Amino acid sequence: MTTGSPDAGGARLTRPRDIAELRRVAQPPEVRLRANAEHWTASLYLRDLSPYITWMLLKTRISANGVTGLMILVGWSTAAALLIPGIWGALLALVLGQFQMLVDCCDGEVARWRRTSSPAGVFLDKVGHYTTEALIPIALGIRAAGYPFESPDDYLWTTLAMALALLIVLNKALNDMVHVARANAGLTKLADTHGEKAPTSSLLARARSFARFVPFHRLYHSVEMTILIFAAALVGLFTGQPQTDRVLLIVLVPLAFLATLGHFVAIMASKRVRS
């Protein structure tokens, strides 16, 4: 059923006839085959589910940016869920983390169907991921400190959490710094391919290959973080809390530092910042 005719010069005013048509338009090969922009959960199952949610969203007046706003709220709710002590808060965060990624698939699909992609949408998407992935480790620090706080001992855990949040945000920002640097230098937009990211040094290339077998640098996305926190909560059922959250935090901070340092070195050694 349609609400009007397509407008070739602007937004698409029709609704898809069926899910297959929606997939063709909203999930073109250049989206499904992106080397770096697609999270593994999207490739695994979320892109199979998202068209059904997008179908329902297209029956409403909500804009693509409005859907991104929902994604942001779900992300913040993921972090807030971790403030519920014990296994149930971790389980809720795990579910919400997956749901955030599902909504994240839908906002782009709505934008592609309606032809309303915009810089504002990209900006809001960045806000959603940056803030969520900073708030989750902060919430983990509060879980590790336990309730109520005891000064000054418990501030160690909240301080480590803030350091982890800072490292995660800095690591994410490095990619955006590359795009800003290239734009300021008058270079073309960076292609989303593995070749552009390949280091020119053979030593770094071997280190990059090793990292694929031990991908600790991928632990800091909201999905992976909530999985780890849930796993720690499961272990905590037998070993006690908040000890397992504290161990997780102690492990994640130095690994985040190594991931950020390695990311910086990889950028400097690749073609991304070469004219």
C-alpha atoms as a PDB file:
ATOM      1  CA  MET A   1       0.000   0.000   0.000  1.00  0.00           C
ATOM      2  CA  THR A   2       1.368   3.456  -0.860  1.00  0.00           C
ATOM      3  CA  THR A   3       0.975   6.900   0.606  1.00  0.00           C
ATOM      4  CA  GLY A   4       1.891   8.740  -2.586  1.00  0.00           C
ATOM      5  CA  SER A   5       4.180   8.611  -5.574  1.00  0.00           C
ATOM      6  CA  PRO A   6       7.984   8.560  -5.570  1.00  0.00           C
ATOM      7  CA  ASP A   7       9.647  11.938  -5.691  1.00  0.00           C
ATOM      8  CA  ALA A   8      12.829  11.560  -7.731  1.00  0.00           C
ATOM      9  CA  GLY A   9      14.142  14.876  -6.483  1.00  0.00           C
ATOM     10  CA  GLY A  10      13.731  14.259  -2.775  1.00  0.00           C
ATOM     11  CA  ALA A  11      12.240  11.890  -0.239  1.00  0.00           C
ATOM     12  CA  ARG A  12      10.599   8.678  -1.388  1.00  0.00           C
ATOM     13  CA  LEU A  13       6.881   8.951  -0.630  1.00  0.00           C
ATOM     14  CA  THR A  14       5.967   5.291  -1.096  1.00  0.00           C
ATOM     15  CA  ARG A  15       6.020   2.337   1.218  1.00  0.00           C
ATOM     16  CA  PRO A  16       7.669  -0.901   0.115  1.00  0.00           C
ATOM     17  CA  ARG A  17       5.383  -3.464  -1.530  1.00  0.00           C
ATOM     18  CA  ASP A  18       7.039  -6.294   0.358  1.00  0.00           C
ATOM     19  CA  ILE A  19      10.074  -7.150   2.495  1.00  0.00           C
ATOM     20  CA  ALA A  20      12.059  -8.227  -0.581  1.00  0.00           C
ATOM     21  CA  GLU A  21      11.708  -4.779  -2.133  1.00  0.00           C
ATOM     22  CA  LEU A  22      12.656  -3.137   1.150  1.00  0.00           C
ATOM     23  CA  ARG A  23      15.778  -5.294   1.344  1.00  0.00           C
ATOM     24  CA  ARG A  24      16.814  -4.379  -2.206  1.00  0.00           C
ATOM     25  CA  VAL A  25      16.617  -0.669  -1.479  1.00  0.00           C
ATOM     26  CA  ALA A  26      17.593  -0.462   2.199  1.00  0.00           C
ATOM     27  CA  GLN A  27      20.250  -3.206   2.228  1.00  0.00           C
ATOM     28  CA  PRO A  28      22.194  -2.793  -1.024  1.00  0.00           C
ATOM     29  CA  PRO A  29      25.478  -4.716  -1.493  1.00  0.00           C
ATOM     30  CA  GLU A  30      27.547  -1.646  -0.619  1.00  0.00           C
ATOM     31  CA  VAL A  31      25.935  -1.754   2.831  1.00  0.00           C
ATOM     32  CA  ARG A  32      26.005  -5.504   3.451  1.00  0.00           C
ATOM     33  CA  LEU A  33      29.587  -5.891   2.193  1.00  0.00           C
ATOM     34  CA  ARG A  34      31.182  -2.998   4.082  1.00  0.00           C
ATOM     35  CA  ALA A  35      34.499  -4.208   5.478  1.00  0.00           C
ATOM     36  CA  ASN A  36      34.521  -2.144   8.651  1.00  0.00           C
ATOM     37  CA  ALA A  37      31.189  -0.406   9.217  1.00  0.00           C
ATOM     38  CA  GLU A  38      29.062  -3.515   9.783  1.00  0.00           C
ATOM     39  CA  HIS A  39      29.198  -5.060  13.239  1.00  0.00           C
ATOM     40  CA  TRP A  40      29.410  -8.853  13.295  1.00  0.00           C
ATOM     41  CA  THR A  41      25.975  -9.119  14.921  1.00  0.00           C
ATOM     42  CA  ALA A  42      24.498  -7.286  11.923  1.00  0.00           C
ATOM     43  CA  SER A  43      26.039  -9.775   9.518  1.00  0.00           C
ATOM     44  CA  LEU A  44      25.131 -12.712  11.757  1.00  0.00           C
ATOM     45  CA  TYR A  45      21.429 -12.048  12.292  1.00  0.00           C
ATOM     46  CA  LEU A  46      20.378  -8.425  12.831  1.00  0.00           C
ATOM     47  CA  ARG A  47      20.158  -7.565   9.127  1.00  0.00           C
ATOM     48  CA  ASP A  48      17.794 -10.508   8.758  1.00  0.00           C
ATOM     49  CA  LEU A  49      15.483  -9.053  11.429  1.00  0.00           C
ATOM     50  CA  SER A  50      15.816  -5.319  10.823  1.00  0.00           C
ATOM     51  CA  PRO A  51      13.665  -5.062   7.657  1.00  0.00           C
ATOM     52  CA  TYR A  52      10.635  -6.224   9.638  1.00  0.00           C
ATOM     53  CA  ILE A  53      11.171  -3.462  12.207  1.00  0.00           C
ATOM     54  CA  THR A  54      11.894  -0.959   9.423  1.00  0.00           C
ATOM     55  CA  TRP A  55       8.668  -2.036   7.680  1.00  0.00           C
ATOM     56  CA  MET A  56       6.693  -1.057  10.787  1.00  0.00           C
ATOM     57  CA  LEU A  57       8.619   2.196  11.241  1.00  0.00           C
ATOM     58  CA  LEU A  58       7.846   3.206   7.652  1.00  0.00           C
ATOM     59  CA  LYS A  59       4.149   3.043   8.516  1.00  0.00           C
ATOM     60  CA  THR A  60       4.684   5.885  10.979  1.00  0.00           C
ATOM     61  CA  ARG A  61       5.805   9.485  10.594  1.00  0.00           C
ATOM     62  CA  ILE A  62       9.046   8.929  12.497  1.00  0.00           C
ATOM     63  CA  SER A  63      12.098  10.188  10.613  1.00  0.00           C
ATOM     64  CA  ALA A  64      15.395   8.380  10.209  1.00  0.00           C
ATOM     65  CA  ASN A  65      16.917  10.816  12.702  1.00  0.00           C
ATOM     66  CA  GLY A  66      14.061  10.034  15.064  1.00  0.00           C
ATOM     67  CA  VAL A  67      14.968   6.350  14.845  1.00  0.00           C
ATOM     68  CA  THR A  68      18.574   7.277  15.602  1.00  0.00           C
ATOM     69  CA  GLY A  69      17.285   9.146  18.648  1.00  0.00           C
ATOM     70  CA  LEU A  70      15.618   5.920  19.785  1.00  0.00           C
ATOM     71  CA  MET A  71      18.921   4.115  19.256  1.00  0.00           C
ATOM     72  CA  ILE A  72      20.623   6.645  21.538  1.00  0.00           C
ATOM     73  CA  LEU A  73      18.018   6.162  24.261  1.00  0.00           C
ATOM     74  CA  VAL A  74      18.341   2.375  24.056  1.00  0.00           C
ATOM     75  CA  GLY A  75      22.115   2.716  24.354  1.00  0.00           C
ATOM     76  CA  TRP A  76      21.849   4.893  27.445  1.00  0.00           C
ATOM     77  CA  SER A  77      19.329   2.436  28.888  1.00  0.00           C
ATOM     78  CA  THR A  78      21.879  -0.339  28.330  1.00  0.00           C
ATOM     79  CA  ALA A  79      24.349   1.441  30.581  1.00  0.00           C
ATOM     80  CA  ALA A  80      21.652   2.309  33.129  1.00  0.00           C
ATOM     81  CA  ALA A  81      20.618  -1.357  33.334  1.00  0.00           C
ATOM     82  CA  LEU A  82      24.076  -2.203  34.654  1.00  0.00           C
ATOM     83  CA  LEU A  83      23.298  -0.176  37.766  1.00  0.00           C
ATOM     84  CA  ILE A  84      20.900  -2.973  38.756  1.00  0.00           C
ATOM     85  CA  PRO A  85      23.090  -5.201  40.948  1.00  0.00           C
ATOM     86  CA  GLY A  86      23.705  -8.839  40.185  1.00  0.00           C
ATOM     87  CA  ILE A  87      22.887 -11.025  37.226  1.00  0.00           C
ATOM     88  CA  TRP A  88      19.600  -9.369  36.246  1.00  0.00           C
ATOM     89  CA  GLY A  89      21.093  -5.983  35.486  1.00  0.00           C
ATOM     90  CA  ALA A  90      23.813  -7.622  33.387  1.00  0.00           C
ATOM     91  CA  LEU A  91      21.232  -9.739  31.541  1.00  0.00           C
ATOM     92  CA  LEU A  92      19.043  -6.721  30.804  1.00  0.00           C
ATOM     93  CA  ALA A  93      22.085  -4.811  29.525  1.00  0.00           C
ATOM     94  CA  LEU A  94      22.997  -7.754  27.290  1.00  0.00           C
ATOM     95  CA  VAL A  95      19.530  -7.754  25.709  1.00  0.00           C
ATOM     96  CA  LEU A  96      19.404  -3.972  25.351  1.00  0.00           C
ATOM     97  CA  GLY A  97      22.875  -3.932  23.789  1.00  0.00           C
ATOM     98  CA  GLN A  98      21.649  -6.257  21.045  1.00  0.00           C
ATOM     99  CA  PHE A  99      18.471  -4.202  20.636  1.00  0.00           C
ATOM    100  CA  GLN A 100      20.494  -1.015  20.244  1.00  0.00           C
ATOM    101  CA  MET A 101      22.348  -2.563  17.323  1.00  0.00           C
ATOM    102  CA  LEU A 102      19.049  -3.675  15.789  1.00  0.00           C
ATOM    103  CA  VAL A 103      17.665  -0.128  15.951  1.00  0.00           C
ATOM    104  CA  ASP A 104      21.001   1.105  14.581  1.00  0.00           C
ATOM    105  CA  CYS A 105      20.408  -1.049  11.493  1.00  0.00           C
ATOM    106  CA  CYS A 106      16.889   0.344  11.104  1.00  0.00           C
ATOM    107  CA  ASP A 107      17.727   4.060  11.093  1.00  0.00           C
ATOM    108  CA  GLY A 108      19.925   3.681   8.022  1.00  0.00           C
ATOM    109  CA  GLU A 109      17.319   1.533   6.316  1.00  0.00           C
ATOM    110  CA  VAL A 110      14.629   4.148   6.923  1.00  0.00           C
ATOM    111  CA  ALA A 111      16.963   6.850   5.582  1.00  0.00           C
ATOM    112  CA  ARG A 112      17.844   4.844   2.453  1.00  0.00           C
ATOM    113  CA  TRP A 113      14.222   3.993   1.691  1.00  0.00           C
ATOM    114  CA  ARG A 114      12.994   7.565   2.180  1.00  0.00           C
ATOM    115  CA  ARG A 115      16.145   9.083   0.615  1.00  0.00           C
ATOM    116  CA  THR A 116      16.668  11.243   3.684  1.00  0.00           C
ATOM    117  CA  SER A 117      20.298  10.440   4.539  1.00  0.00           C
ATOM    118  CA  SER A 118      22.007  13.520   5.947  1.00  0.00           C
ATOM    119  CA  PRO A 119      25.091  14.699   7.869  1.00  0.00           C
ATOM    120  CA  ALA A 120      22.808  15.226  10.869  1.00  0.00           C
ATOM    121  CA  GLY A 121      21.988  11.516  10.847  1.00  0.00           C
ATOM    122  CA  VAL A 122      25.669  10.571  10.759  1.00  0.00           C
ATOM    123  CA  PHE A 123      26.364  13.011  13.592  1.00  0.00           C
ATOM    124  CA  LEU A 124      23.556  11.614  15.756  1.00  0.00           C
ATOM    125  CA  ASP A 125      24.770   8.077  15.090  1.00  0.00           C
ATOM    126  CA  LYS A 126      28.226   9.053  16.311  1.00  0.00           C
ATOM    127  CA  VAL A 127      26.733  10.673  19.414  1.00  0.00           C
ATOM    128  CA  GLY A 128      24.834   7.475  20.166  1.00  0.00           C
ATOM    129  CA  HIS A 129      27.820   5.160  19.919  1.00  0.00           C
ATOM    130  CA  TYR A 130      30.314   7.462  21.616  1.00  0.00           C
ATOM    131  CA  THR A 131      28.095   8.167  24.616  1.00  0.00           C
ATOM    132  CA  THR A 132      26.887   4.577  25.024  1.00  0.00           C
ATOM    133  CA  GLU A 133      30.373   3.124  24.850  1.00  0.00           C
ATOM    134  CA  ALA A 134      31.585   5.656  27.408  1.00  0.00           C
ATOM    135  CA  LEU A 135      28.664   5.151  29.803  1.00  0.00           C
ATOM    136  CA  ILE A 136      28.899   1.337  29.864  1.00  0.00           C
ATOM    137  CA  PRO A 137      32.401   1.194  31.433  1.00  0.00           C
ATOM    138  CA  ILE A 138      31.412   3.940  33.885  1.00  0.00           C
ATOM    139  CA  ALA A 139      28.431   1.822  34.937  1.00  0.00           C
ATOM    140  CA  LEU A 140      30.767  -1.178  35.220  1.00  0.00           C
ATOM    141  CA  GLY A 141      32.937   0.866  37.590  1.00  0.00           C
ATOM    142  CA  ILE A 142      29.928   1.635  39.770  1.00  0.00           C
ATOM    143  CA  ARG A 143      29.056  -2.083  39.815  1.00  0.00           C
ATOM    144  CA  ALA A 144      32.641  -2.897  40.766  1.00  0.00           C
ATOM    145  CA  ALA A 145      32.608  -0.350  43.582  1.00  0.00           C
ATOM    146  CA  GLY A 146      29.394  -1.815  44.997  1.00  0.00           C
ATOM    147  CA  TYR A 147      26.729  -0.092  47.044  1.00  0.00           C
ATOM    148  CA  PRO A 148      27.085   2.012  49.080  1.00  0.00           C
ATOM    149  CA  PHE A 149      30.437   3.592  48.198  1.00  0.00           C
ATOM    150  CA  GLU A 150      33.138   3.556  50.829  1.00  0.00           C
ATOM    151  CA  SER A 151      35.702   6.334  50.569  1.00  0.00           C
ATOM    152  CA  PRO A 152      38.463   6.212  49.467  1.00  0.00           C
ATOM    153  CA  ASP A 153      38.790   2.529  48.484  1.00  0.00           C
ATOM    154  CA  ASP A 154      35.819   2.310  46.125  1.00  0.00           C
ATOM    155  CA  TYR A 155      36.958   5.357  44.189  1.00  0.00           C
ATOM    156  CA  LEU A 156      39.725   3.202  42.744  1.00  0.00           C
ATOM    157  CA  TRP A 157      37.121   1.314  40.700  1.00  0.00           C
ATOM    158  CA  THR A 158      35.260   4.379  39.511  1.00  0.00           C
ATOM    159  CA  THR A 159      38.576   5.995  38.559  1.00  0.00           C
ATOM    160  CA  LEU A 160      39.614   2.919  36.569  1.00  0.00           C
ATOM    161  CA  ALA A 161      36.207   2.990  34.898  1.00  0.00           C
ATOM    162  CA  MET A 162      36.638   6.629  33.903  1.00  0.00           C
ATOM    163  CA  ALA A 163      40.086   5.808  32.494  1.00  0.00           C
ATOM    164  CA  LEU A 164      38.580   2.923  30.521  1.00  0.00           C
ATOM    165  CA  ALA A 165      35.811   5.170  29.175  1.00  0.00           C
ATOM    166  CA  LEU A 166      38.381   7.769  28.115  1.00  0.00           C
ATOM    167  CA  LEU A 167      40.510   5.181  26.310  1.00  0.00           C
ATOM    168  CA  ILE A 168      37.479   3.752  24.505  1.00  0.00           C
ATOM    169  CA  VAL A 169      36.326   7.186  23.331  1.00  0.00           C
ATOM    170  CA  LEU A 170      39.861   8.115  22.252  1.00  0.00           C
ATOM    171  CA  ASN A 171      40.211   4.850  20.326  1.00  0.00           C
ATOM    172  CA  LYS A 172      36.926   5.522  18.509  1.00  0.00           C
ATOM    173  CA  ALA A 173      37.900   9.134  17.851  1.00  0.00           C
ATOM    174  CA  LEU A 174      41.097   8.088  16.072  1.00  0.00           C
ATOM    175  CA  ASN A 175      39.080   6.883  13.082  1.00  0.00           C
ATOM    176  CA  ASP A 176      37.182  10.168  12.900  1.00  0.00           C
ATOM    177  CA  MET A 177      40.456  12.086  13.239  1.00  0.00           C
ATOM    178  CA  VAL A 178      41.656  10.312  10.092  1.00  0.00           C
ATOM    179  CA  HIS A 179      38.618  11.520   8.134  1.00  0.00           C
ATOM    180  CA  VAL A 180      39.053  15.078   9.455  1.00  0.00           C
ATOM    181  CA  ALA A 181      42.759  15.070   8.605  1.00  0.00           C
ATOM    182  CA  ARG A 182      42.103  13.837   5.071  1.00  0.00           C
ATOM    183  CA  ALA A 183      39.322  16.373   4.524  1.00  0.00           C
ATOM    184  CA  ASN A 184      41.536  19.234   5.761  1.00  0.00           C
ATOM    185  CA  ALA A 185      44.316  18.063   3.439  1.00  0.00           C
ATOM    186  CA  GLY A 186      41.945  18.028   0.464  1.00  0.00           C
ATOM    187  CA  LEU A 187      42.143  14.247   0.031  1.00  0.00           C
ATOM    188  CA  THR A 188      39.287  12.038  -1.146  1.00  0.00           C
ATOM    189  CA  LYS A 189      37.045  10.182   1.255  1.00  0.00           C
ATOM    190  CA  LEU A 190      38.660   7.048   2.618  1.00  0.00           C
ATOM    191  CA  ALA A 191      37.372   3.864   0.983  1.00  0.00           C
ATOM    192  CA  ASP A 192      35.919   1.269   3.345  1.00  0.00           C
ATOM    193  CA  THR A 193      38.333  -1.474   2.331  1.00  0.00           C
ATOM    194  CA  HIS A 194      40.952  -3.569   4.079  1.00  0.00           C
ATOM    195  CA  GLY A 195      43.618  -2.370   1.639  1.00  0.00           C
ATOM    196  CA  GLU A 196      43.413   1.223   2.835  1.00  0.00           C
ATOM    197  CA  LYS A 197      44.082   0.090   6.396  1.00  0.00           C
ATOM    198  CA  ALA A 198      46.917  -2.296   5.606  1.00  0.00           C
ATOM    199  CA  PRO A 199      50.203  -1.163   7.208  1.00  0.00           C
ATOM    200  CA  THR A 200      53.136  -0.525   4.913  1.00  0.00           C
ATOM    201  CA  SER A 201      55.619  -2.113   7.349  1.00  0.00           C
ATOM    202  CA  SER A 202      55.980  -5.892   7.119  1.00  0.00           C
ATOM    203  CA  LEU A 203      56.499  -6.099  10.899  1.00  0.00           C
ATOM    204  CA  LEU A 204      53.269  -4.227  11.558  1.00  0.00           C
ATOM    205  CA  ALA A 205      51.504  -6.320   8.949  1.00  0.00           C
ATOM    206  CA  ARG A 206      52.481  -9.460  10.877  1.00  0.00           C
ATOM    207  CA  ALA A 207      51.322  -7.875  14.133  1.00  0.00           C
ATOM    208  CA  ARG A 208      48.002  -7.002  12.473  1.00  0.00           C
ATOM    209  CA  SER A 209      47.606 -10.592  11.310  1.00  0.00           C
ATOM    210  CA  PHE A 210      48.301 -11.815  14.846  1.00  0.00           C
ATOM    211  CA  ALA A 211      45.650  -9.442  16.196  1.00  0.00           C
ATOM    212  CA  ARG A 212      43.039 -11.187  14.070  1.00  0.00           C
ATOM    213  CA  PHE A 213      43.640 -14.354  16.107  1.00  0.00           C
ATOM    214  CA  VAL A 214      43.638 -12.474  19.435  1.00  0.00           C
ATOM    215  CA  PRO A 215      41.152  -9.663  18.717  1.00  0.00           C
ATOM    216  CA  PHE A 216      41.168  -7.976  22.127  1.00  0.00           C
ATOM    217  CA  HIS A 217      40.950  -4.620  20.313  1.00  0.00           C
ATOM    218  CA  ARG A 218      37.337  -5.524  19.457  1.00  0.00           C
ATOM    219  CA  LEU A 219      36.244  -5.878  23.088  1.00  0.00           C
ATOM    220  CA  TYR A 220      35.202  -2.262  23.528  1.00  0.00           C
ATOM    221  CA  HIS A 221      32.057  -2.064  21.450  1.00  0.00           C
ATOM    222  CA  SER A 222      28.835  -1.925  23.493  1.00  0.00           C
ATOM    223  CA  VAL A 223      27.845  -5.437  22.371  1.00  0.00           C
ATOM    224  CA  GLU A 224      31.132  -7.052  23.378  1.00  0.00           C
ATOM    225  CA  MET A 225      31.251  -5.102  26.636  1.00  0.00           C
ATOM    226  CA  THR A 226      27.782  -6.232  27.683  1.00  0.00           C
ATOM    227  CA  ILE A 227      28.643  -9.837  26.787  1.00  0.00           C
ATOM    228  CA  LEU A 228      31.765  -9.676  28.949  1.00  0.00           C
ATOM    229  CA  ILE A 229      29.909  -8.054  31.842  1.00  0.00           C
ATOM    230  CA  PHE A 230      27.189 -10.701  31.661  1.00  0.00           C
ATOM    231  CA  ALA A 231      29.830 -13.448  31.642  1.00  0.00           C
ATOM    232  CA  ALA A 232      31.452 -11.861  34.689  1.00  0.00           C
ATOM    233  CA  ALA A 233      28.059 -11.723  36.417  1.00  0.00           C
ATOM    234  CA  LEU A 234      27.549 -15.429  35.717  1.00  0.00           C
ATOM    235  CA  VAL A 235      30.918 -16.245  37.262  1.00  0.00           C
ATOM    236  CA  GLY A 236      30.018 -13.941  40.140  1.00  0.00           C
ATOM    237  CA  LEU A 237      27.076 -16.179  41.020  1.00  0.00           C
ATOM    238  CA  PHE A 238      29.665 -18.716  42.197  1.00  0.00           C
ATOM    239  CA  THR A 239      32.654 -16.593  43.223  1.00  0.00           C
ATOM    240  CA  GLY A 240      30.841 -13.564  44.596  1.00  0.00           C
ATOM    241  CA  GLN A 241      30.334  -9.998  43.496  1.00  0.00           C
ATOM    242  CA  PRO A 242      31.699  -7.405  42.996  1.00  0.00           C
ATOM    243  CA  GLN A 243      34.998  -9.279  42.769  1.00  0.00           C
ATOM    244  CA  THR A 244      34.430 -10.536  39.228  1.00  0.00           C
ATOM    245  CA  ASP A 245      33.499  -7.056  38.000  1.00  0.00           C
ATOM    246  CA  ARG A 246      36.693  -5.738  39.572  1.00  0.00           C
ATOM    247  CA  VAL A 247      38.819  -8.393  37.878  1.00  0.00           C
ATOM    248  CA  LEU A 248      37.156  -7.606  34.541  1.00  0.00           C
ATOM    249  CA  LEU A 249      37.849  -3.904  34.972  1.00  0.00           C
ATOM    250  CA  ILE A 250      41.494  -4.519  35.901  1.00  0.00           C
ATOM    251  CA  VAL A 251      41.958  -6.645  32.772  1.00  0.00           C
ATOM    252  CA  LEU A 252      40.145  -4.293  30.397  1.00  0.00           C
ATOM    253  CA  VAL A 253      42.018  -1.081  31.247  1.00  0.00           C
ATOM    254  CA  PRO A 254      45.536  -2.149  30.159  1.00  0.00           C
ATOM    255  CA  LEU A 255      44.137  -3.976  27.135  1.00  0.00           C
ATOM    256  CA  ALA A 256      42.284  -0.795  26.139  1.00  0.00           C
ATOM    257  CA  PHE A 257      45.535   1.152  26.408  1.00  0.00           C
ATOM    258  CA  LEU A 258      47.315  -1.375  24.178  1.00  0.00           C
ATOM    259  CA  ALA A 259      44.430  -1.341  21.697  1.00  0.00           C
ATOM    260  CA  THR A 260      44.479   2.455  21.490  1.00  0.00           C
ATOM    261  CA  LEU A 261      48.261   2.596  21.122  1.00  0.00           C
ATOM    262  CA  GLY A 262      48.192  -0.121  18.475  1.00  0.00           C
ATOM    263  CA  HIS A 263      45.403   1.652  16.625  1.00  0.00           C
ATOM    264  CA  PHE A 264      47.419   4.880  16.551  1.00  0.00           C
ATOM    265  CA  VAL A 265      50.535   3.111  15.276  1.00  0.00           C
ATOM    266  CA  ALA A 266      48.502   1.238  12.638  1.00  0.00           C
ATOM    267  CA  ILE A 267      47.004   4.494  11.347  1.00  0.00           C
ATOM    268  CA  MET A 268      50.376   6.198  11.112  1.00  0.00           C
ATOM    269  CA  ALA A 269      51.832   3.187   9.290  1.00  0.00           C
ATOM    270  CA  SER A 270      49.012   2.876   6.753  1.00  0.00           C
ATOM    271  CA  LYS A 271      47.955   4.798   3.642  1.00  0.00           C
ATOM    272  CA  ARG A 272      45.142   6.504   5.519  1.00  0.00           C
ATOM    273  CA  VAL A 273      47.165   9.554   6.474  1.00  0.00           C
ATOM    274  CA  ARG A 274      49.447   9.580   3.450  1.00  0.00           C
ATOM    275  CA  SER A 275      48.904  12.120   0.660  1.00  0.00           C
END
